[in-house]
Amino acid sequence: MLQQQVYIINVVLMGLDALLVIAAGYSAYYGCIHLGGVFGVEPLPDQFTLLTSIVGVMFINNYFFGSLGLYGDKAPASLVTVVFSVFKVVLADFLFLSSTIFFYEPTRFPRGFLFLFSVSTFGYISILRVFSTRYIVKDARGSHRSRKMLIVGDRERGMVVSHALRKQMSWGHDVVGRLCENASGQCDPDCLGAIEMLETVLRERPVDEVVFALHGDRRTDLQKYLQICRKMGVSVRILPALWNPGECSMTVERCQGIPFINLQAGSFNANGLLYKRILDVVGGAVGFLVLAGVFPFIAVAIKLDSPGPVIFRQKRKGQHGRIFELYKFRTMYENAEEMKKELMGRNEMNGHMFKLENDPRVTKVGKWLRTTSLDELPQFLNVLKGEMSLVGTRPPTIQEVEMYQLEHLKRIAAKPGITGLWQISGRNKIKDFEKVVELDCQYLDNWHFFQDIKILLKTVMVVLQRKGAL
């Protein structure tokens, strides 16, 4: 119910914000009519300029409000914070509008209208937010209509839940107190008694919802207390015993009416994976066209330089151990794998990777291909097939994965990529496998779509400057 209230509140606020921007635009328009030429410029914008300005600010305003978390589930801290946030959003709105005007029609746009529009927008939305914040933070809570909530749990988890509820956006809820899990916690000032007193407290106090925040002690018969709430018609909310403070990856999802608790291993979600795949398909198609254009020339150069196939194929491990065949332009002699056994003693990498700066297995053309990163162009085929992604972690060999420790396996929890944090962080300077794992895990734990865009742009710069190539 709390999230439903958040959704309703934010939908209402978004609608009111949009209406107030429209009202501010027309207030500025009619203000220019009455002020005449006070501002020393043409006081009236034409109807097209008026409409596009209002609509543009309306959408940009909602976007910036969302970016600053003002359409989130956290109640505003104070009225000053609210007004300052509105000021920042309106400033961003009209800096954007002014920039657009500068490139579109800098001399004919009424500056008086722009000034009045910005002031009106700030004033109207500030008044709305001040009154809505006052209602959410003060008036709604403690009123007869507010939802009364009782917490059942120890002091630590009870305090976490209580603090979260006090920050939660809603149209009115109060924490009436807490019942501790055992008798030892009854001395706490916020404790109304032990869990055994649940029925008594529900009889004596107005309680609309009970939040169970128990540690999962098997000696506590939770079903017994759930039955009490059910019989008395009191709603129940349960904090899973698996959850610990600071845990952000736990979610609840339904499948055919069955509730499941999910513990996400990374920051990927369904929307993010869809956008990532679209980017992979588009980027893979572009890369394939480049590959098709340069393939004849590179193929001839490889064949003239040394005997062997043009394309190097090797079994690699992908997401969660899926085995696939990696494609690259051949940059080494045919007997490279046999030579590797003799060169293991000269490995410059600490850990489960092999790297040698002046590797004698690399051909002359292969060295050039690696320097320009053209050897990796065939991997766009792996991307189009869905075995790899444009951005991800380095695809390890089967032998490398066999030597991994448990924590190293996290780096293959997502699709491997043609590029990634390791590649743009100066890969020829990193000599420690643990550092590679750290960068890969950092990517997985903090992934978002625009990070992939940023890494791709940095990769282009690295390739053009020929930095970090092997």
Protein backbone atom coordinates (compact mmCIF):
# COMPACT_ATOMS: atom_id res chain seq x y z
CA MET A 1 0.00 0.00 0.00
CA LEU A 2 2.87 2.39 0.72
CA GLN A 3 4.21 2.12 -2.84
CA GLN A 4 0.71 2.57 -4.21
CA GLN A 5 0.41 5.79 -2.22
CA VAL A 6 3.79 6.95 -3.57
CA TYR A 7 2.63 6.25 -7.12
CA ILE A 8 -0.63 8.14 -6.67
CA ILE A 9 1.06 11.12 -4.97
CA ASN A 10 3.70 11.40 -7.69
CA VAL A 11 1.18 11.08 -10.53
CA VAL A 12 -0.84 13.88 -8.95
CA LEU A 13 2.26 16.04 -8.42
CA MET A 14 3.44 15.46 -12.00
CA GLY A 15 0.04 16.49 -13.32
CA LEU A 16 -0.12 19.57 -11.09
CA ASP A 17 3.45 20.56 -11.99
CA ALA A 18 2.54 20.37 -15.68
CA LEU A 19 -0.63 22.41 -15.17
CA LEU A 20 1.25 25.04 -13.18
CA VAL A 21 3.85 25.39 -15.94
CA ILE A 22 0.99 26.02 -18.39
CA ALA A 23 -0.54 28.51 -15.96
CA ALA A 24 2.83 30.22 -15.53
CA GLY A 25 3.29 30.47 -19.29
CA TYR A 26 -0.05 32.15 -19.87
CA SER A 27 0.40 34.33 -16.78
CA ALA A 28 3.66 35.58 -18.29
CA TYR A 29 1.94 36.12 -21.64
CA TYR A 30 -0.85 38.25 -20.20
CA GLY A 31 1.65 39.92 -17.90
CA CYS A 32 3.55 41.09 -20.96
CA ILE A 33 0.32 42.54 -22.35
CA HIS A 34 -0.23 44.67 -19.24
CA LEU A 35 3.42 45.61 -18.78
CA GLY A 36 3.71 46.73 -22.39
CA GLY A 37 7.22 47.75 -23.34
CA VAL A 38 8.65 47.92 -19.85
CA PHE A 39 11.40 45.46 -20.77
CA GLY A 40 12.41 47.42 -23.85
CA VAL A 41 11.59 44.63 -26.29
CA GLU A 42 8.58 43.30 -28.18
CA PRO A 43 6.32 42.24 -25.27
CA LEU A 44 4.30 39.47 -26.95
CA PRO A 45 5.55 36.14 -28.31
CA ASP A 46 3.68 34.68 -31.27
CA GLN A 47 1.33 31.77 -30.58
CA PHE A 48 3.70 29.11 -31.94
CA THR A 49 6.58 30.39 -29.77
CA LEU A 50 4.27 30.56 -26.75
CA LEU A 51 2.99 27.01 -27.21
CA THR A 52 6.37 25.37 -27.92
CA SER A 53 7.99 27.19 -24.99
CA ILE A 54 5.31 26.08 -22.54
CA VAL A 55 5.24 22.48 -23.78
CA GLY A 56 9.05 22.27 -23.80
CA VAL A 57 9.39 23.61 -20.26
CA MET A 58 6.56 21.34 -19.09
CA PHE A 59 8.34 18.16 -20.23
CA ILE A 60 11.84 19.31 -19.25
CA ASN A 61 10.55 20.37 -15.83
CA ASN A 62 9.10 16.92 -15.12
CA TYR A 63 12.32 15.30 -16.32
CA PHE A 64 14.52 17.38 -14.00
CA PHE A 65 12.17 16.85 -11.07
CA GLY A 66 12.51 13.11 -11.64
CA SER A 67 16.30 13.34 -11.98
CA LEU A 68 16.56 15.08 -8.60
CA GLY A 69 14.39 12.42 -6.96
CA LEU A 70 11.47 14.77 -6.38
CA TYR A 71 9.14 12.10 -7.76
CA GLY A 72 10.61 9.45 -5.48
CA ASP A 73 9.37 7.64 -2.38
CA LYS A 74 11.28 9.78 0.11
CA ALA A 75 9.42 12.54 1.92
CA PRO A 76 11.06 16.01 1.71
CA ALA A 77 13.38 16.80 4.62
CA SER A 78 12.29 20.42 5.09
CA LEU A 79 10.53 23.32 3.40
CA VAL A 80 13.85 25.06 2.72
CA THR A 81 15.16 21.96 0.96
CA VAL A 82 11.99 21.80 -1.13
CA VAL A 83 12.15 25.44 -2.25
CA PHE A 84 15.86 25.18 -3.07
CA SER A 85 15.22 22.02 -5.11
CA VAL A 86 12.46 23.79 -7.04
CA PHE A 87 14.83 26.70 -7.67
CA LYS A 88 17.48 24.34 -9.09
CA VAL A 89 14.95 22.63 -11.34
CA VAL A 90 13.45 25.88 -12.66
CA LEU A 91 16.94 27.29 -13.22
CA ALA A 92 17.83 24.18 -15.25
CA ASP A 93 14.51 24.44 -17.15
CA PHE A 94 15.13 27.98 -18.31
CA LEU A 95 18.82 27.53 -18.98
CA PHE A 96 17.76 24.78 -21.36
CA LEU A 97 15.05 26.99 -22.89
CA SER A 98 17.46 29.94 -23.19
CA SER A 99 20.05 27.74 -24.92
CA THR A 100 17.42 26.57 -27.39
CA ILE A 101 16.33 30.15 -28.02
CA PHE A 102 19.91 31.25 -28.59
CA PHE A 103 20.39 28.75 -31.42
CA TYR A 104 16.87 29.19 -32.81
CA GLU A 105 15.90 32.89 -32.65
CA PRO A 106 18.04 34.98 -30.27
CA THR A 107 16.85 38.46 -31.24
CA ARG A 108 13.08 38.05 -31.72
CA PHE A 109 12.22 36.09 -28.58
CA PRO A 110 10.60 38.37 -25.94
CA ARG A 111 13.00 38.48 -23.00
CA GLY A 112 10.31 39.98 -20.80
CA PHE A 113 8.14 36.94 -21.39
CA LEU A 114 11.07 34.62 -20.56
CA PHE A 115 11.69 36.46 -17.28
CA LEU A 116 8.03 36.45 -16.22
CA PHE A 117 7.65 32.81 -17.29
CA SER A 118 10.57 31.69 -15.11
CA VAL A 119 9.48 33.73 -12.08
CA SER A 120 5.88 32.51 -12.36
CA THR A 121 6.95 28.90 -12.73
CA PHE A 122 9.18 29.10 -9.67
CA GLY A 123 6.48 30.85 -7.63
CA TYR A 124 3.59 28.56 -8.56
CA ILE A 125 5.49 25.27 -8.13
CA SER A 126 7.13 26.46 -4.90
CA ILE A 127 3.71 27.21 -3.40
CA LEU A 128 2.43 23.78 -4.49
CA ARG A 129 5.44 21.98 -3.05
CA VAL A 130 5.40 23.91 0.23
CA PHE A 131 1.74 23.04 0.86
CA SER A 132 2.11 19.41 -0.26
CA THR A 133 5.24 18.97 1.88
CA ARG A 134 3.57 20.50 4.90
CA TYR A 135 0.65 18.13 4.48
CA ILE A 136 2.83 15.03 3.96
CA VAL A 137 5.34 15.81 6.72
CA LYS A 138 3.11 17.41 9.34
CA ASP A 139 -0.65 17.57 8.81
CA ALA A 140 -1.29 14.04 7.49
CA ARG A 141 0.79 12.33 10.18
CA GLY A 142 -0.74 12.20 13.59
CA SER A 143 -4.21 12.92 12.23
CA HIS A 144 -7.22 10.69 12.76
CA ARG A 145 -6.96 9.52 9.15
CA SER A 146 -3.30 8.40 9.31
CA ARG A 147 -2.45 4.71 9.06
CA LYS A 148 -1.29 3.37 12.45
CA MET A 149 1.63 0.93 12.22
CA LEU A 150 3.05 -1.34 14.92
CA ILE A 151 6.59 -2.76 14.57
CA VAL A 152 7.52 -6.17 15.99
CA GLY A 153 11.26 -6.89 16.21
CA ASP A 154 14.50 -6.20 18.05
CA ARG A 155 15.89 -2.70 18.57
CA GLU A 156 18.29 -2.71 15.60
CA ARG A 157 15.89 -3.90 12.92
CA GLY A 158 13.00 -2.02 14.54
CA MET A 159 14.94 1.25 14.37
CA VAL A 160 15.80 0.66 10.70
CA VAL A 161 12.15 0.05 9.82
CA SER A 162 10.91 2.95 11.94
CA HIS A 163 13.43 5.33 10.37
CA ALA A 164 12.46 4.18 6.87
CA LEU A 165 8.76 4.67 7.58
CA ARG A 166 9.37 8.19 8.88
CA LYS A 167 11.11 9.08 5.62
CA GLN A 168 8.52 7.37 3.44
CA MET A 169 6.28 9.45 1.21
CA SER A 170 2.59 8.80 1.96
CA TRP A 171 -0.65 10.59 2.69
CA GLY A 172 -0.43 9.72 6.36
CA HIS A 173 1.03 6.97 8.54
CA ASP A 174 2.30 6.78 12.13
CA VAL A 175 4.48 4.32 14.01
CA VAL A 176 2.57 3.73 17.26
CA GLY A 177 5.34 1.71 18.90
CA ARG A 178 7.33 -1.53 18.90
CA LEU A 179 7.05 -4.97 20.44
CA CYS A 180 10.40 -6.65 21.11
CA GLU A 181 11.18 -10.23 20.15
CA ASN A 182 12.00 -11.33 23.71
CA ALA A 183 11.79 -10.08 27.29
CA SER A 184 15.37 -8.74 27.30
CA GLY A 185 14.38 -5.83 25.05
CA GLN A 186 11.49 -4.53 27.12
CA CYS A 187 13.70 -1.90 28.77
CA ASP A 188 14.04 0.03 25.51
CA PRO A 189 12.16 3.36 25.67
CA ASP A 190 10.20 2.72 22.44
CA CYS A 191 9.22 -0.84 23.42
CA LEU A 192 5.60 -1.48 24.40
CA GLY A 193 6.34 -5.01 25.57
CA ALA A 194 7.22 -8.48 24.28
CA ILE A 195 5.77 -10.12 21.17
CA GLU A 196 3.50 -12.23 23.39
CA MET A 197 1.52 -9.03 24.09
CA LEU A 198 0.56 -8.62 20.42
CA GLU A 199 -3.11 -9.52 20.87
CA THR A 200 -3.43 -7.27 23.92
CA VAL A 201 -1.85 -4.30 22.14
CA LEU A 202 -4.08 -4.80 19.09
CA ARG A 203 -7.13 -4.81 21.36
CA GLU A 204 -6.12 -1.70 23.31
CA ARG A 205 -4.57 0.48 20.59
CA PRO A 206 -5.71 1.52 17.11
CA VAL A 207 -3.38 -0.42 14.78
CA ASP A 208 -4.00 -0.73 11.03
CA GLU A 209 -0.86 -2.66 10.12
CA VAL A 210 1.77 -4.77 11.89
CA VAL A 211 5.33 -4.87 10.53
CA PHE A 212 7.23 -8.00 11.55
CA ALA A 213 10.99 -7.31 11.51
CA LEU A 214 12.19 -10.49 13.20
CA HIS A 215 15.64 -12.08 13.04
CA GLY A 216 14.21 -15.47 12.12
CA ASP A 217 14.61 -17.14 15.52
CA ARG A 218 12.93 -20.54 15.11
CA ARG A 219 11.71 -20.38 18.69
CA THR A 220 9.33 -17.61 17.65
CA ASP A 221 6.12 -19.07 16.24
CA LEU A 222 5.50 -16.40 13.59
CA GLN A 223 2.52 -18.26 12.15
CA LYS A 224 0.74 -17.94 15.50
CA TYR A 225 1.02 -14.15 15.45
CA LEU A 226 0.11 -13.92 11.77
CA GLN A 227 -3.06 -15.83 12.61
CA ILE A 228 -3.90 -13.31 15.35
CA CYS A 229 -3.59 -10.44 12.88
CA ARG A 230 -5.59 -12.31 10.27
CA LYS A 231 -8.45 -13.01 12.67
CA MET A 232 -8.54 -9.38 13.82
CA GLY A 233 -8.47 -8.01 10.27
CA VAL A 234 -5.10 -6.26 10.72
CA SER A 235 -2.80 -6.04 7.69
CA VAL A 236 0.69 -7.53 7.99
CA ARG A 237 4.01 -6.56 6.43
CA ILE A 238 7.04 -8.88 6.86
CA LEU A 239 10.70 -7.88 6.64
CA PRO A 240 12.53 -11.05 5.49
CA ALA A 241 14.98 -12.46 8.04
CA LEU A 242 17.47 -12.79 5.16
CA TRP A 243 17.61 -9.00 4.83
CA ASN A 244 20.35 -7.04 6.61
CA PRO A 245 20.85 -3.25 6.86
CA GLY A 246 22.62 -2.04 3.73
CA GLU A 247 21.16 -4.84 1.60
CA CYS A 248 19.80 -3.30 -1.62
CA SER A 249 19.62 -6.29 -3.97
CA MET A 250 16.58 -8.01 -2.41
CA THR A 251 13.27 -7.67 -4.22
CA VAL A 252 9.90 -9.44 -4.20
CA GLU A 253 8.37 -10.68 -7.44
CA ARG A 254 5.27 -12.71 -8.28
CA CYS A 255 5.09 -15.59 -10.74
CA GLN A 256 1.59 -16.94 -11.36
CA GLY A 257 0.50 -15.58 -7.99
CA ILE A 258 3.45 -17.15 -6.14
CA PRO A 259 5.61 -14.59 -4.26
CA PHE A 260 9.39 -14.99 -4.58
CA ILE A 261 12.17 -13.16 -2.79
CA ASN A 262 14.91 -12.29 -5.29
CA LEU A 263 18.53 -11.64 -4.37
CA GLN A 264 20.05 -9.90 -7.38
CA ALA A 265 23.71 -10.66 -8.04
CA GLY A 266 24.28 -7.45 -10.02
CA SER A 267 22.59 -4.21 -10.99
CA PHE A 268 21.01 -5.50 -14.23
CA ASN A 269 17.23 -5.53 -14.66
CA ALA A 270 14.85 -6.46 -17.47
CA ASN A 271 14.65 -2.92 -18.91
CA GLY A 272 18.41 -2.47 -18.71
CA LEU A 273 19.07 -5.81 -20.43
CA LEU A 274 16.64 -4.88 -23.21
CA TYR A 275 18.37 -1.54 -23.84
CA LYS A 276 21.75 -3.24 -23.67
CA ARG A 277 20.69 -5.83 -26.25
CA ILE A 278 19.33 -3.15 -28.57
CA LEU A 279 22.66 -1.34 -28.30
CA ASP A 280 24.47 -4.61 -29.00
CA VAL A 281 22.40 -5.33 -32.11
CA VAL A 282 22.86 -1.81 -33.51
CA GLY A 283 26.57 -1.67 -32.61
CA GLY A 284 27.11 -5.25 -33.78
CA ALA A 285 25.53 -4.47 -37.15
CA VAL A 286 27.75 -1.40 -37.60
CA GLY A 287 30.82 -3.40 -36.56
CA PHE A 288 29.92 -6.20 -38.97
CA LEU A 289 29.74 -3.71 -41.85
CA VAL A 290 33.21 -2.43 -40.92
CA LEU A 291 34.44 -6.02 -40.72
CA ALA A 292 33.03 -6.82 -44.16
CA GLY A 293 34.77 -3.78 -45.63
CA VAL A 294 38.26 -4.47 -44.25
CA PHE A 295 38.17 -8.28 -44.24
CA PRO A 296 39.72 -8.86 -47.72
CA PHE A 297 42.68 -6.58 -47.02
CA ILE A 298 43.40 -7.96 -43.54
CA ALA A 299 42.97 -11.53 -44.79
CA VAL A 300 45.52 -11.02 -47.53
CA ALA A 301 47.98 -9.40 -45.08
CA ILE A 302 47.64 -12.29 -42.60
CA LYS A 303 48.11 -14.93 -45.32
CA LEU A 304 51.20 -13.21 -46.77
CA ASP A 305 52.75 -12.82 -43.33
CA SER A 306 52.45 -16.40 -42.01
CA PRO A 307 50.74 -19.70 -42.82
CA GLY A 308 47.49 -20.54 -41.06
CA PRO A 309 43.81 -19.57 -40.98
CA VAL A 310 42.69 -15.95 -41.19
CA ILE A 311 40.20 -16.28 -38.33
CA PHE A 312 41.36 -17.59 -34.95
CA ARG A 313 38.71 -19.60 -33.13
CA GLN A 314 38.93 -20.54 -29.47
CA LYS A 315 36.54 -21.97 -26.91
CA ARG A 316 35.81 -19.40 -24.22
CA LYS A 317 33.51 -19.29 -21.21
CA GLY A 318 30.70 -16.76 -21.29
CA GLN A 319 27.89 -15.86 -18.94
CA HIS A 320 27.74 -18.29 -16.00
CA GLY A 321 30.01 -20.77 -17.76
CA ARG A 322 28.29 -20.97 -21.16
CA ILE A 323 30.89 -22.18 -23.65
CA PHE A 324 31.08 -20.38 -27.00
CA GLU A 325 33.56 -20.03 -29.84
CA LEU A 326 35.35 -16.67 -29.88
CA TYR A 327 36.32 -15.17 -33.27
CA LYS A 328 39.40 -12.98 -33.80
CA PHE A 329 41.76 -12.23 -36.64
CA ARG A 330 44.76 -14.51 -36.17
CA THR A 331 47.67 -12.54 -34.72
CA MET A 332 49.94 -15.46 -33.70
CA TYR A 333 51.74 -18.33 -35.35
CA GLU A 334 49.89 -21.63 -35.73
CA ASN A 335 51.84 -23.33 -32.93
CA ALA A 336 51.13 -20.54 -30.43
CA GLU A 337 49.48 -22.84 -27.87
CA GLU A 338 52.51 -25.17 -27.79
CA MET A 339 54.85 -22.18 -27.44
CA LYS A 340 52.73 -20.83 -24.56
CA LYS A 341 53.70 -23.80 -22.37
CA GLU A 342 57.37 -22.87 -22.77
CA LEU A 343 56.68 -19.18 -22.05
CA MET A 344 54.62 -19.64 -18.85
CA GLY A 345 57.68 -18.94 -16.72
CA ARG A 346 57.94 -15.46 -18.28
CA ASN A 347 54.29 -14.56 -17.55
CA GLU A 348 54.07 -10.89 -16.50
CA MET A 349 50.59 -11.28 -15.00
CA ASN A 350 50.06 -12.20 -11.36
CA GLY A 351 47.18 -14.65 -11.26
CA HIS A 352 45.06 -16.68 -13.65
CA MET A 353 45.89 -14.84 -16.87
CA PHE A 354 48.82 -14.96 -19.28
CA LYS A 355 50.36 -11.79 -20.64
CA LEU A 356 53.77 -11.11 -22.14
CA GLU A 357 54.65 -7.69 -23.53
CA ASN A 358 57.00 -8.80 -26.31
CA ASP A 359 55.30 -12.10 -27.00
CA PRO A 360 57.38 -14.06 -29.60
CA ARG A 361 54.25 -15.85 -30.74
CA VAL A 362 52.83 -12.66 -32.28
CA THR A 363 53.40 -12.16 -36.01
CA LYS A 364 54.39 -8.86 -37.60
CA VAL A 365 50.92 -8.26 -39.01
CA GLY A 366 49.46 -9.55 -35.73
CA LYS A 367 51.35 -6.90 -33.77
CA TRP A 368 49.89 -4.19 -35.99
CA LEU A 369 46.39 -5.66 -35.70
CA ARG A 370 46.66 -5.70 -31.91
CA THR A 371 48.00 -2.15 -31.76
CA THR A 372 45.04 -0.91 -33.80
CA SER A 373 42.60 -3.36 -32.10
CA LEU A 374 41.48 -4.50 -35.56
CA ASP A 375 42.06 -8.11 -34.49
CA GLU A 376 38.87 -7.92 -32.41
CA LEU A 377 36.54 -6.93 -35.28
CA PRO A 378 35.27 -10.53 -35.84
CA GLN A 379 33.92 -10.47 -32.29
CA PHE A 380 31.04 -8.38 -33.60
CA LEU A 381 29.75 -11.71 -34.95
CA ASN A 382 29.75 -13.02 -31.36
CA VAL A 383 27.79 -9.92 -30.34
CA LEU A 384 25.16 -10.41 -33.05
CA LYS A 385 24.81 -14.07 -32.04
CA GLY A 386 24.15 -13.00 -28.44
CA GLU A 387 27.25 -14.74 -27.05
CA MET A 388 28.98 -11.47 -26.21
CA SER A 389 28.08 -7.84 -25.60
CA LEU A 390 29.73 -4.64 -26.79
CA VAL A 391 30.62 -3.83 -23.17
CA GLY A 392 31.31 -6.41 -20.49
CA THR A 393 34.13 -8.36 -18.92
CA ARG A 394 37.04 -10.03 -20.70
CA PRO A 395 36.04 -13.51 -21.96
CA PRO A 396 38.31 -16.02 -20.17
CA THR A 397 39.58 -19.31 -21.54
CA ILE A 398 38.24 -22.59 -20.20
CA GLN A 399 41.61 -23.33 -18.56
CA GLU A 400 41.62 -19.99 -16.76
CA VAL A 401 38.15 -20.53 -15.28
CA GLU A 402 39.15 -23.97 -14.01
CA MET A 403 41.74 -22.25 -11.79
CA TYR A 404 39.37 -19.55 -10.50
CA GLN A 405 38.60 -19.22 -6.83
CA LEU A 406 34.96 -18.84 -5.82
CA GLU A 407 34.97 -15.01 -5.80
CA HIS A 408 36.59 -14.89 -9.26
CA LEU A 409 33.56 -16.54 -10.86
CA LYS A 410 31.53 -13.36 -10.37
CA ARG A 411 33.31 -11.83 -13.35
CA ILE A 412 31.51 -14.28 -15.67
CA ALA A 413 28.09 -13.50 -14.17
CA ALA A 414 27.25 -11.41 -17.26
CA LYS A 415 28.01 -11.65 -20.96
CA PRO A 416 31.66 -10.96 -21.79
CA GLY A 417 32.32 -7.86 -23.83
CA ILE A 418 34.54 -6.62 -26.63
CA THR A 419 35.49 -3.75 -24.35
CA GLY A 420 35.07 -2.90 -20.67
CA LEU A 421 36.57 -1.11 -17.70
CA TRP A 422 39.74 -3.19 -17.96
CA GLN A 423 40.33 -2.16 -21.57
CA ILE A 424 39.92 1.58 -20.94
CA SER A 425 41.96 1.52 -17.72
CA GLY A 426 45.27 0.85 -19.45
CA ARG A 427 45.18 -2.94 -19.81
CA ASN A 428 48.89 -3.25 -20.64
CA LYS A 429 49.74 -1.55 -17.32
CA ILE A 430 47.65 -3.88 -15.14
CA LYS A 431 49.82 -6.75 -13.96
CA ASP A 432 47.56 -8.21 -11.27
CA PHE A 433 44.65 -10.52 -12.04
CA GLU A 434 42.93 -9.43 -8.81
CA LYS A 435 42.82 -5.87 -10.17
CA VAL A 436 41.13 -7.16 -13.32
CA VAL A 437 38.54 -8.96 -11.17
CA GLU A 438 38.04 -5.78 -9.12
CA LEU A 439 37.34 -3.73 -12.25
CA ASP A 440 34.98 -6.38 -13.62
CA CYS A 441 33.04 -6.60 -10.35
CA GLN A 442 32.91 -2.80 -10.16
CA TYR A 443 31.31 -2.78 -13.61
CA LEU A 444 28.76 -5.47 -12.68
CA ASP A 445 27.81 -3.93 -9.33
CA ASN A 446 27.37 -0.39 -10.66
CA TRP A 447 26.04 -1.05 -14.15
CA HIS A 448 23.69 1.33 -15.87
CA PHE A 449 22.99 1.89 -19.54
CA PHE A 450 24.78 5.22 -19.85
CA GLN A 451 27.89 3.68 -18.33
CA ASP A 452 28.07 1.40 -21.39
CA ILE A 453 27.81 4.46 -23.66
CA LYS A 454 30.59 6.15 -21.67
CA ILE A 455 32.86 3.09 -21.89
CA LEU A 456 32.26 2.79 -25.66
CA LEU A 457 33.20 6.45 -26.19
CA LYS A 458 36.33 6.04 -24.06
CA THR A 459 37.21 2.88 -25.98
CA VAL A 460 37.13 4.83 -29.24
CA MET A 461 39.55 7.37 -27.75
CA VAL A 462 41.84 4.63 -26.42
CA VAL A 463 41.91 2.89 -29.83
CA LEU A 464 42.56 6.16 -31.70
CA GLN A 465 45.40 7.06 -29.32
CA ARG A 466 46.64 3.44 -29.37
CA LYS A 467 46.81 3.25 -25.61
CA GLY A 468 46.68 0.02 -23.69
CA ALA A 469 46.76 -2.29 -26.71
CA LEU A 470 48.51 -5.65 -26.36
